[in-house]
PDB file of all heavy atoms in Angstrom:
ATOM      1  N   MET A   1       2.549   8.011   0.717  1.00  0.00           N
ATOM      2  CA  MET A   1       2.743   9.445   0.865  1.00  0.00           C
ATOM      3  C   MET A   1       2.472  10.135  -0.536  1.00  0.00           C
ATOM      4  O   MET A   1       1.424   9.967  -1.090  1.00  0.00           O
ATOM      5  CB  MET A   1       3.998   9.821   1.487  1.00  0.00           C
ATOM      6  CG  MET A   1       4.173   9.219   2.928  1.00  0.00           C
ATOM      7  SD  MET A   1       5.729   9.462   3.673  1.00  0.00           S
ATOM      8  CE  MET A   1       5.660  11.179   4.082  1.00  0.00           C
ATOM      9  N   ALA A   2       3.421  10.902  -1.054  1.00  0.00           N
ATOM     10  CA  ALA A   2       3.305  11.523  -2.369  1.00  0.00           C
ATOM     11  C   ALA A   2       3.517  10.353  -3.363  1.00  0.00           C
ATOM     12  O   ALA A   2       4.599  10.267  -3.928  1.00  0.00           O
ATOM     13  CB  ALA A   2       4.347  12.637  -2.483  1.00  0.00           C
ATOM     14  N   ALA A   3       2.470   9.663  -3.604  1.00  0.00           N
ATOM     15  CA  ALA A   3       2.607   8.344  -4.352  1.00  0.00           C
ATOM     16  C   ALA A   3       2.583   8.573  -5.817  1.00  0.00           C
ATOM     17  O   ALA A   3       1.661   8.170  -6.469  1.00  0.00           O
ATOM     18  CB  ALA A   3       1.475   7.399  -3.847  1.00  0.00           C
ATOM     19  N   HIS A   4       3.655   9.069  -6.378  1.00  0.00           N
ATOM     20  CA  HIS A   4       3.663   9.345  -7.793  1.00  0.00           C
ATOM     21  C   HIS A   4       4.275   8.256  -8.615  1.00  0.00           C
ATOM     22  O   HIS A   4       4.205   8.308  -9.803  1.00  0.00           O
ATOM     23  CB  HIS A   4       4.499  10.663  -8.007  1.00  0.00           C
ATOM     24  CG  HIS A   4       3.858  11.822  -7.385  1.00  0.00           C
ATOM     25  ND1 HIS A   4       4.475  12.720  -6.555  1.00  0.00           N
ATOM     26  CD2 HIS A   4       2.608  12.342  -7.472  1.00  0.00           C
ATOM     27  CE1 HIS A   4       3.673  13.650  -6.099  1.00  0.00           C
ATOM     28  NE2 HIS A   4       2.511  13.383  -6.677  1.00  0.00           N
ATOM     29  N   LEU A   5       4.897   7.285  -8.026  1.00  0.00           N
ATOM     30  CA  LEU A   5       5.620   6.206  -8.719  1.00  0.00           C
ATOM     31  C   LEU A   5       4.657   5.495  -9.825  1.00  0.00           C
ATOM     32  O   LEU A   5       5.086   5.404 -10.982  1.00  0.00           O
ATOM     33  CB  LEU A   5       6.239   5.196  -7.821  1.00  0.00           C
ATOM     34  CG  LEU A   5       7.039   4.068  -8.480  1.00  0.00           C
ATOM     35  CD1 LEU A   5       8.237   4.629  -9.265  1.00  0.00           C
ATOM     36  CD2 LEU A   5       7.492   3.065  -7.437  1.00  0.00           C
ATOM     37  N   PRO A   6       3.525   5.054  -9.456  1.00  0.00           N
ATOM     38  CA  PRO A   6       2.684   4.357 -10.478  1.00  0.00           C
ATOM     39  C   PRO A   6       2.366   5.304 -11.647  1.00  0.00           C
ATOM     40  O   PRO A   6       2.463   4.836 -12.781  1.00  0.00           O
ATOM     41  CB  PRO A   6       1.459   3.954  -9.765  1.00  0.00           C
ATOM     42  CG  PRO A   6       1.833   3.898  -8.334  1.00  0.00           C
ATOM     43  CD  PRO A   6       2.906   4.967  -8.157  1.00  0.00           C
ATOM     44  N   GLY A   7       2.003   6.472 -11.375  1.00  0.00           N
ATOM     45  CA  GLY A   7       1.661   7.394 -12.452  1.00  0.00           C
ATOM     46  C   GLY A   7       2.864   7.749 -13.303  1.00  0.00           C
ATOM     47  O   GLY A   7       2.698   7.855 -14.576  1.00  0.00           O
ATOM     48  N   VAL A   8       3.962   7.981 -12.722  1.00  0.00           N
ATOM     49  CA  VAL A   8       5.183   8.323 -13.448  1.00  0.00           C
ATOM     50  C   VAL A   8       5.502   7.189 -14.382  1.00  0.00           C
ATOM     51  O   VAL A   8       5.844   7.329 -15.552  1.00  0.00           O
ATOM     52  CB  VAL A   8       6.313   8.729 -12.589  1.00  0.00           C
ATOM     53  CG1 VAL A   8       7.628   8.735 -13.270  1.00  0.00           C
ATOM     54  CG2 VAL A   8       6.041  10.031 -11.841  1.00  0.00           C
ATOM     55  N   ILE A   9       5.464   5.917 -13.879  1.00  0.00           N
ATOM     56  CA  ILE A   9       5.754   4.794 -14.687  1.00  0.00           C
ATOM     57  C   ILE A   9       4.727   4.662 -15.840  1.00  0.00           C
ATOM     58  O   ILE A   9       5.063   4.473 -16.963  1.00  0.00           O
ATOM     59  CB  ILE A   9       5.832   3.456 -13.873  1.00  0.00           C
ATOM     60  CG1 ILE A   9       7.082   3.469 -12.989  1.00  0.00           C
ATOM     61  CG2 ILE A   9       5.757   2.233 -14.734  1.00  0.00           C
ATOM     62  CD1 ILE A   9       7.123   2.324 -11.994  1.00  0.00           C
ATOM     63  N   ALA A  10       3.434   4.831 -15.490  1.00  0.00           N
ATOM     64  CA  ALA A  10       2.447   4.668 -16.490  1.00  0.00           C
ATOM     65  C   ALA A  10       2.607   5.704 -17.610  1.00  0.00           C
ATOM     66  O   ALA A  10       2.208   5.530 -18.791  1.00  0.00           O
ATOM     67  CB  ALA A  10       1.024   4.881 -15.892  1.00  0.00           C
ATOM     68  N   SER A  11       3.207   6.913 -17.272  1.00  0.00           N
ATOM     69  CA  SER A  11       3.359   7.925 -18.346  1.00  0.00           C
ATOM     70  C   SER A  11       4.458   7.578 -19.282  1.00  0.00           C
ATOM     71  O   SER A  11       4.553   8.212 -20.328  1.00  0.00           O
ATOM     72  CB  SER A  11       3.648   9.290 -17.634  1.00  0.00           C
ATOM     73  OG  SER A  11       5.018   9.311 -17.125  1.00  0.00           O
ATOM     74  N   MET A  12       5.271   6.592 -18.949  1.00  0.00           N
ATOM     75  CA  MET A  12       6.397   6.272 -19.849  1.00  0.00           C
ATOM     76  C   MET A  12       6.395   4.875 -20.498  1.00  0.00           C
ATOM     77  O   MET A  12       7.355   4.470 -21.075  1.00  0.00           O
ATOM     78  CB  MET A  12       7.692   6.314 -18.941  1.00  0.00           C
ATOM     79  CG  MET A  12       7.999   7.667 -18.395  1.00  0.00           C
ATOM     80  SD  MET A  12       9.524   7.543 -17.410  1.00  0.00           S
ATOM     81  CE  MET A  12       9.354   8.991 -16.337  1.00  0.00           C
ATOM     82  N   THR A  13       5.202   4.233 -20.351  1.00  0.00           N
ATOM     83  CA  THR A  13       5.095   2.897 -20.949  1.00  0.00           C
ATOM     84  C   THR A  13       3.694   2.583 -21.419  1.00  0.00           C
ATOM     85  O   THR A  13       2.768   3.302 -20.936  1.00  0.00           O
ATOM     86  CB  THR A  13       5.512   1.751 -19.965  1.00  0.00           C
ATOM     87  OG1 THR A  13       5.463   0.487 -20.594  1.00  0.00           O
ATOM     88  CG2 THR A  13       4.618   1.714 -18.708  1.00  0.00           C
ATOM     89  N   THR A  14       3.499   1.739 -22.321  1.00  0.00           N
ATOM     90  CA  THR A  14       2.193   1.243 -22.750  1.00  0.00           C
ATOM     91  C   THR A  14       1.736   0.002 -22.019  1.00  0.00           C
ATOM     92  O   THR A  14       0.650  -0.466 -22.247  1.00  0.00           O
ATOM     93  CB  THR A  14       2.158   0.993 -24.261  1.00  0.00           C
ATOM     94  OG1 THR A  14       3.144  -0.002 -24.595  1.00  0.00           O
ATOM     95  CG2 THR A  14       2.423   2.322 -25.073  1.00  0.00           C
ATOM     96  N   LEU A  15       2.583  -0.447 -21.191  1.00  0.00           N
ATOM     97  CA  LEU A  15       2.223  -1.668 -20.428  1.00  0.00           C
ATOM     98  C   LEU A  15       1.190  -1.353 -19.347  1.00  0.00           C
ATOM     99  O   LEU A  15       1.157  -0.167 -18.838  1.00  0.00           O
ATOM    100  CB  LEU A  15       3.457  -2.252 -19.655  1.00  0.00           C
ATOM    101  CG  LEU A  15       4.590  -2.814 -20.542  1.00  0.00           C
ATOM    102  CD1 LEU A  15       5.775  -3.170 -19.653  1.00  0.00           C
ATOM    103  CD2 LEU A  15       4.083  -4.016 -21.288  1.00  0.00           C
ATOM    104  N   PRO A  16       0.310  -2.299 -18.950  1.00  0.00           N
ATOM    105  CA  PRO A  16      -0.640  -1.958 -17.888  1.00  0.00           C
ATOM    106  C   PRO A  16       0.110  -1.803 -16.593  1.00  0.00           C
ATOM    107  O   PRO A  16       1.044  -2.540 -16.286  1.00  0.00           O
ATOM    108  CB  PRO A  16      -1.476  -3.267 -17.779  1.00  0.00           C
ATOM    109  CG  PRO A  16      -1.055  -4.160 -18.902  1.00  0.00           C
ATOM    110  CD  PRO A  16       0.187  -3.607 -19.499  1.00  0.00           C
ATOM    111  N   VAL A  17      -0.282  -0.793 -15.811  1.00  0.00           N
ATOM    112  CA  VAL A  17       0.335  -0.511 -14.518  1.00  0.00           C
ATOM    113  C   VAL A  17      -0.777  -0.594 -13.474  1.00  0.00           C
ATOM    114  O   VAL A  17      -1.815  -0.021 -13.625  1.00  0.00           O
ATOM    115  CB  VAL A  17       0.952   0.901 -14.487  1.00  0.00           C
ATOM    116  CG1 VAL A  17       1.512   1.259 -13.044  1.00  0.00           C
ATOM    117  CG2 VAL A  17       2.038   1.026 -15.498  1.00  0.00           C
ATOM    118  N   ILE A  18      -0.486  -1.357 -12.405  1.00  0.00           N
ATOM    119  CA  ILE A  18      -1.359  -1.541 -11.247  1.00  0.00           C
ATOM    120  C   ILE A  18      -0.711  -0.809 -10.088  1.00  0.00           C
ATOM    121  O   ILE A  18       0.402  -1.092  -9.693  1.00  0.00           O
ATOM    122  CB  ILE A  18      -1.626  -2.985 -10.903  1.00  0.00           C
ATOM    123  CG1 ILE A  18      -2.129  -3.700 -12.147  1.00  0.00           C
ATOM    124  CG2 ILE A  18      -2.522  -3.150  -9.743  1.00  0.00           C
ATOM    125  CD1 ILE A  18      -2.139  -5.255 -12.070  1.00  0.00           C
ATOM    126  N   GLY A  19      -1.408   0.132  -9.499  1.00  0.00           N
ATOM    127  CA  GLY A  19      -0.931   0.905  -8.368  1.00  0.00           C
ATOM    128  C   GLY A  19      -1.369   0.299  -7.053  1.00  0.00           C
ATOM    129  O   GLY A  19      -2.568  -0.071  -6.888  1.00  0.00           O
ATOM    130  N   VAL A  20      -0.446   0.226  -6.026  1.00  0.00           N
ATOM    131  CA  VAL A  20      -0.795  -0.189  -4.742  1.00  0.00           C
ATOM    132  C   VAL A  20      -0.433   1.012  -3.800  1.00  0.00           C
ATOM    133  O   VAL A  20       0.683   1.268  -3.593  1.00  0.00           O
ATOM    134  CB  VAL A  20       0.075  -1.450  -4.288  1.00  0.00           C
ATOM    135  CG1 VAL A  20      -0.307  -1.821  -2.861  1.00  0.00           C
ATOM    136  CG2 VAL A  20      -0.159  -2.571  -5.246  1.00  0.00           C
ATOM    137  N   PRO A  21      -1.540   1.624  -3.326  1.00  0.00           N
ATOM    138  CA  PRO A  21      -1.306   2.709  -2.276  1.00  0.00           C
ATOM    139  C   PRO A  21      -0.788   2.099  -0.992  1.00  0.00           C
ATOM    140  O   PRO A  21      -1.414   1.117  -0.476  1.00  0.00           O
ATOM    141  CB  PRO A  21      -2.662   3.382  -2.166  1.00  0.00           C
ATOM    142  CG  PRO A  21      -3.650   2.577  -2.880  1.00  0.00           C
ATOM    143  CD  PRO A  21      -2.932   1.457  -3.573  1.00  0.00           C
ATOM    144  N   ILE A  22       0.215   2.616  -0.409  1.00  0.00           N
ATOM    145  CA  ILE A  22       0.827   2.185   0.795  1.00  0.00           C
ATOM    146  C   ILE A  22       0.407   3.082   1.984  1.00  0.00           C
ATOM    147  O   ILE A  22       0.517   4.294   1.828  1.00  0.00           O
ATOM    148  CB  ILE A  22       2.337   2.078   0.732  1.00  0.00           C
ATOM    149  CG1 ILE A  22       2.760   1.093  -0.418  1.00  0.00           C
ATOM    150  CG2 ILE A  22       2.989   1.576   2.118  1.00  0.00           C
ATOM    151  CD1 ILE A  22       2.463  -0.375  -0.172  1.00  0.00           C
ATOM    152  N   ASN A  23       0.019   2.524   3.060  1.00  0.00           N
ATOM    153  CA  ASN A  23      -0.411   3.350   4.200  1.00  0.00           C
ATOM    154  C   ASN A  23       0.878   3.791   4.948  1.00  0.00           C
ATOM    155  O   ASN A  23       1.396   3.089   5.865  1.00  0.00           O
ATOM    156  CB  ASN A  23      -1.284   2.525   5.197  1.00  0.00           C
ATOM    157  CG  ASN A  23      -1.678   3.289   6.404  1.00  0.00           C
ATOM    158  OD1 ASN A  23      -1.316   4.442   6.533  1.00  0.00           O
ATOM    159  ND2 ASN A  23      -2.416   2.659   7.270  1.00  0.00           N
ATOM    160  N   ALA A  24       1.401   4.889   4.452  1.00  0.00           N
ATOM    161  CA  ALA A  24       2.593   5.492   5.128  1.00  0.00           C
ATOM    162  C   ALA A  24       2.287   6.710   5.931  1.00  0.00           C
ATOM    163  O   ALA A  24       3.040   7.064   6.822  1.00  0.00           O
ATOM    164  CB  ALA A  24       3.672   5.843   4.041  1.00  0.00           C
ATOM    165  N   SER A  25       1.138   7.391   5.640  1.00  0.00           N
ATOM    166  CA  SER A  25       0.683   8.500   6.404  1.00  0.00           C
ATOM    167  C   SER A  25      -0.801   8.743   6.020  1.00  0.00           C
ATOM    168  O   SER A  25      -1.252   8.182   5.034  1.00  0.00           O
ATOM    169  CB  SER A  25       1.489   9.768   6.031  1.00  0.00           C
ATOM    170  OG  SER A  25       1.296  10.137   4.748  1.00  0.00           O
ATOM    171  N   LEU A  26      -1.522   9.468   6.888  1.00  0.00           N
ATOM    172  CA  LEU A  26      -2.917   9.686   6.590  1.00  0.00           C
ATOM    173  C   LEU A  26      -3.757   8.517   6.289  1.00  0.00           C
ATOM    174  O   LEU A  26      -4.674   8.616   5.482  1.00  0.00           O
ATOM    175  CB  LEU A  26      -3.028  10.829   5.516  1.00  0.00           C
ATOM    176  CG  LEU A  26      -2.319  12.147   5.691  1.00  0.00           C
ATOM    177  CD1 LEU A  26      -2.412  13.008   4.486  1.00  0.00           C
ATOM    178  CD2 LEU A  26      -2.859  12.816   6.909  1.00  0.00           C
ATOM    179  N   ASP A  27      -3.477   7.468   6.961  1.00  0.00           N
ATOM    180  CA  ASP A  27      -4.144   6.157   6.768  1.00  0.00           C
ATOM    181  C   ASP A  27      -4.057   5.620   5.332  1.00  0.00           C
ATOM    182  O   ASP A  27      -4.896   4.884   4.873  1.00  0.00           O
ATOM    183  CB  ASP A  27      -5.588   6.218   7.261  1.00  0.00           C
ATOM    184  CG  ASP A  27      -5.705   6.335   8.766  1.00  0.00           C
ATOM    185  OD1 ASP A  27      -4.851   5.810   9.460  1.00  0.00           O
ATOM    186  OD2 ASP A  27      -6.634   7.072   9.155  1.00  0.00           O
ATOM    187  N   GLY A  28      -3.171   6.119   4.567  1.00  0.00           N
ATOM    188  CA  GLY A  28      -2.995   5.686   3.193  1.00  0.00           C
ATOM    189  C   GLY A  28      -3.863   6.435   2.147  1.00  0.00           C
ATOM    190  O   GLY A  28      -3.833   6.223   1.023  1.00  0.00           O
ATOM    191  N   LEU A  29      -4.751   7.284   2.670  1.00  0.00           N
ATOM    192  CA  LEU A  29      -5.615   7.969   1.770  1.00  0.00           C
ATOM    193  C   LEU A  29      -4.936   8.939   0.841  1.00  0.00           C
ATOM    194  O   LEU A  29      -5.332   9.070  -0.326  1.00  0.00           O
ATOM    195  CB  LEU A  29      -6.707   8.756   2.552  1.00  0.00           C
ATOM    196  CG  LEU A  29      -7.689   7.871   3.345  1.00  0.00           C
ATOM    197  CD1 LEU A  29      -8.617   8.727   4.220  1.00  0.00           C
ATOM    198  CD2 LEU A  29      -8.516   7.004   2.380  1.00  0.00           C
ATOM    199  N   ASP A  30      -3.843   9.564   1.298  1.00  0.00           N
ATOM    200  CA  ASP A  30      -3.037  10.413   0.434  1.00  0.00           C
ATOM    201  C   ASP A  30      -2.506   9.642  -0.774  1.00  0.00           C
ATOM    202  O   ASP A  30      -2.572  10.039  -1.933  1.00  0.00           O
ATOM    203  CB  ASP A  30      -1.973  11.096   1.170  1.00  0.00           C
ATOM    204  CG  ASP A  30      -1.074  10.209   1.983  1.00  0.00           C
ATOM    205  OD1 ASP A  30      -1.508   9.030   2.286  1.00  0.00           O
ATOM    206  OD2 ASP A  30       0.073  10.599   2.295  1.00  0.00           O
ATOM    207  N   ALA A  31      -2.020   8.426  -0.497  1.00  0.00           N
ATOM    208  CA  ALA A  31      -1.443   7.548  -1.535  1.00  0.00           C
ATOM    209  C   ALA A  31      -2.610   7.072  -2.444  1.00  0.00           C
ATOM    210  O   ALA A  31      -2.445   7.059  -3.711  1.00  0.00           O
ATOM    211  CB  ALA A  31      -0.662   6.393  -0.948  1.00  0.00           C
ATOM    212  N   LEU A  32      -3.612   6.668  -1.906  1.00  0.00           N
ATOM    213  CA  LEU A  32      -4.792   6.184  -2.689  1.00  0.00           C
ATOM    214  C   LEU A  32      -5.249   7.263  -3.707  1.00  0.00           C
ATOM    215  O   LEU A  32      -5.381   7.035  -4.924  1.00  0.00           O
ATOM    216  CB  LEU A  32      -5.983   5.824  -1.773  1.00  0.00           C
ATOM    217  CG  LEU A  32      -7.239   5.413  -2.559  1.00  0.00           C
ATOM    218  CD1 LEU A  32      -7.073   4.128  -3.408  1.00  0.00           C
ATOM    219  CD2 LEU A  32      -8.387   5.220  -1.541  1.00  0.00           C
ATOM    220  N   LEU A  33      -5.461   8.526  -3.170  1.00  0.00           N
ATOM    221  CA  LEU A  33      -5.894   9.604  -4.068  1.00  0.00           C
ATOM    222  C   LEU A  33      -4.861   9.925  -5.068  1.00  0.00           C
ATOM    223  O   LEU A  33      -5.151  10.231  -6.204  1.00  0.00           O
ATOM    224  CB  LEU A  33      -6.319  10.774  -3.252  1.00  0.00           C
ATOM    225  CG  LEU A  33      -7.567  10.555  -2.381  1.00  0.00           C
ATOM    226  CD1 LEU A  33      -7.792  11.779  -1.457  1.00  0.00           C
ATOM    227  CD2 LEU A  33      -8.754  10.351  -3.237  1.00  0.00           C
ATOM    228  N   ALA A  34      -3.572   9.921  -4.724  1.00  0.00           N
ATOM    229  CA  ALA A  34      -2.536  10.292  -5.622  1.00  0.00           C
ATOM    230  C   ALA A  34      -2.478   9.254  -6.845  1.00  0.00           C
ATOM    231  O   ALA A  34      -2.160   9.600  -7.933  1.00  0.00           O
ATOM    232  CB  ALA A  34      -1.180  10.376  -4.948  1.00  0.00           C
ATOM    233  N   ILE A  35      -2.736   7.984  -6.503  1.00  0.00           N
ATOM    234  CA  ILE A  35      -2.619   6.928  -7.513  1.00  0.00           C
ATOM    235  C   ILE A  35      -3.892   6.847  -8.338  1.00  0.00           C
ATOM    236  O   ILE A  35      -3.879   6.709  -9.591  1.00  0.00           O
ATOM    237  CB  ILE A  35      -2.308   5.545  -6.869  1.00  0.00           C
ATOM    238  CG1 ILE A  35      -0.912   5.693  -6.232  1.00  0.00           C
ATOM    239  CG2 ILE A  35      -2.346   4.434  -7.885  1.00  0.00           C
ATOM    240  CD1 ILE A  35      -0.569   4.432  -5.399  1.00  0.00           C
ATOM    241  N   VAL A  36      -5.039   7.009  -7.795  1.00  0.00           N
ATOM    242  CA  VAL A  36      -6.256   6.805  -8.505  1.00  0.00           C
ATOM    243  C   VAL A  36      -6.661   7.943  -9.375  1.00  0.00           C
ATOM    244  O   VAL A  36      -7.382   7.814 -10.351  1.00  0.00           O
ATOM    245  CB  VAL A  36      -7.436   6.356  -7.500  1.00  0.00           C
ATOM    246  CG1 VAL A  36      -8.022   7.512  -6.744  1.00  0.00           C
ATOM    247  CG2 VAL A  36      -8.544   5.576  -8.223  1.00  0.00           C
ATOM    248  N   GLN A  37      -6.255   9.152  -9.018  1.00  0.00           N
ATOM    249  CA  GLN A  37      -6.652  10.408  -9.695  1.00  0.00           C
ATOM    250  C   GLN A  37      -5.661  10.756 -10.763  1.00  0.00           C
ATOM    251  O   GLN A  37      -5.004  11.744 -10.752  1.00  0.00           O
ATOM    252  CB  GLN A  37      -6.807  11.530  -8.701  1.00  0.00           C
ATOM    253  CG  GLN A  37      -7.938  11.420  -7.774  1.00  0.00           C
ATOM    254  CD  GLN A  37      -9.324  11.432  -8.423  1.00  0.00           C
ATOM    255  OE1 GLN A  37      -9.463  11.989  -9.506  1.00  0.00           O
ATOM    256  NE2 GLN A  37     -10.290  10.839  -7.792  1.00  0.00           N
ATOM    257  N   MET A  38      -5.567   9.914 -11.822  1.00  0.00           N
ATOM    258  CA  MET A  38      -4.622  10.120 -12.909  1.00  0.00           C
ATOM    259  C   MET A  38      -5.299  10.955 -13.973  1.00  0.00           C
ATOM    260  O   MET A  38      -6.536  10.870 -14.243  1.00  0.00           O
ATOM    261  CB  MET A  38      -4.202   8.820 -13.493  1.00  0.00           C
ATOM    262  CG  MET A  38      -3.290   8.001 -12.528  1.00  0.00           C
ATOM    263  SD  MET A  38      -1.849   8.884 -11.976  1.00  0.00           S
ATOM    264  CE  MET A  38      -1.026   9.157 -13.477  1.00  0.00           C
ATOM    265  N   PRO A  39      -4.464  11.755 -14.758  1.00  0.00           N
ATOM    266  CA  PRO A  39      -5.108  12.530 -15.821  1.00  0.00           C
ATOM    267  C   PRO A  39      -5.554  11.647 -16.971  1.00  0.00           C
ATOM    268  O   PRO A  39      -5.064  10.524 -17.141  1.00  0.00           O
ATOM    269  CB  PRO A  39      -3.942  13.484 -16.224  1.00  0.00           C
ATOM    270  CG  PRO A  39      -2.747  12.756 -15.815  1.00  0.00           C
ATOM    271  CD  PRO A  39      -3.090  11.957 -14.638  1.00  0.00           C
ATOM    272  N   PRO A  40      -6.470  12.185 -17.812  1.00  0.00           N
ATOM    273  CA  PRO A  40      -6.878  11.358 -18.972  1.00  0.00           C
ATOM    274  C   PRO A  40      -5.667  10.882 -19.862  1.00  0.00           C
ATOM    275  O   PRO A  40      -4.785  11.688 -20.070  1.00  0.00           O
ATOM    276  CB  PRO A  40      -7.783  12.356 -19.773  1.00  0.00           C
ATOM    277  CG  PRO A  40      -8.220  13.348 -18.733  1.00  0.00           C
ATOM    278  CD  PRO A  40      -7.099  13.456 -17.693  1.00  0.00           C
ATOM    279  N   GLY A  41      -5.782   9.656 -20.195  1.00  0.00           N
ATOM    280  CA  GLY A  41      -4.717   9.137 -21.112  1.00  0.00           C
ATOM    281  C   GLY A  41      -3.593   8.368 -20.358  1.00  0.00           C
ATOM    282  O   GLY A  41      -2.761   7.772 -20.976  1.00  0.00           O
ATOM    283  N   ILE A  42      -3.529   8.579 -19.075  1.00  0.00           N
ATOM    284  CA  ILE A  42      -2.529   7.908 -18.259  1.00  0.00           C
ATOM    285  C   ILE A  42      -3.187   7.013 -17.145  1.00  0.00           C
ATOM    286  O   ILE A  42      -3.164   7.392 -15.957  1.00  0.00           O
ATOM    287  CB  ILE A  42      -1.513   8.928 -17.577  1.00  0.00           C
ATOM    288  CG1 ILE A  42      -1.042   9.974 -18.596  1.00  0.00           C
ATOM    289  CG2 ILE A  42      -0.353   8.222 -16.951  1.00  0.00           C
ATOM    290  CD1 ILE A  42      -0.195   9.463 -19.701  1.00  0.00           C
ATOM    291  N   PRO A  43      -3.839   5.948 -17.497  1.00  0.00           N
ATOM    292  CA  PRO A  43      -4.546   5.156 -16.532  1.00  0.00           C
ATOM    293  C   PRO A  43      -3.581   4.346 -15.622  1.00  0.00           C
ATOM    294  O   PRO A  43      -2.519   3.894 -16.105  1.00  0.00           O
ATOM    295  CB  PRO A  43      -5.428   4.287 -17.341  1.00  0.00           C
ATOM    296  CG  PRO A  43      -4.671   4.026 -18.625  1.00  0.00           C
ATOM    297  CD  PRO A  43      -3.974   5.415 -18.837  1.00  0.00           C
ATOM    298  N   VAL A  44      -4.014   4.204 -14.393  1.00  0.00           N
ATOM    299  CA  VAL A  44      -3.348   3.292 -13.464  1.00  0.00           C
ATOM    300  C   VAL A  44      -4.406   2.490 -12.812  1.00  0.00           C
ATOM    301  O   VAL A  44      -5.328   3.175 -12.129  1.00  0.00           O
ATOM    302  CB  VAL A  44      -2.470   4.029 -12.418  1.00  0.00           C
ATOM    303  CG1 VAL A  44      -1.918   3.021 -11.406  1.00  0.00           C
ATOM    304  CG2 VAL A  44      -1.388   4.791 -13.065  1.00  0.00           C
TER     305      VAL A  44
END
């Protein structure tokens, strides 16, 4: 859904963060887009 967890974690650490979008609604596309569309400097 509002899949902010990976990005929030990435904003607070220098460790590599791997995001897994979960299909909880909208076939998981909402989670995929929320995780993959990170601002510059905060990669996931």
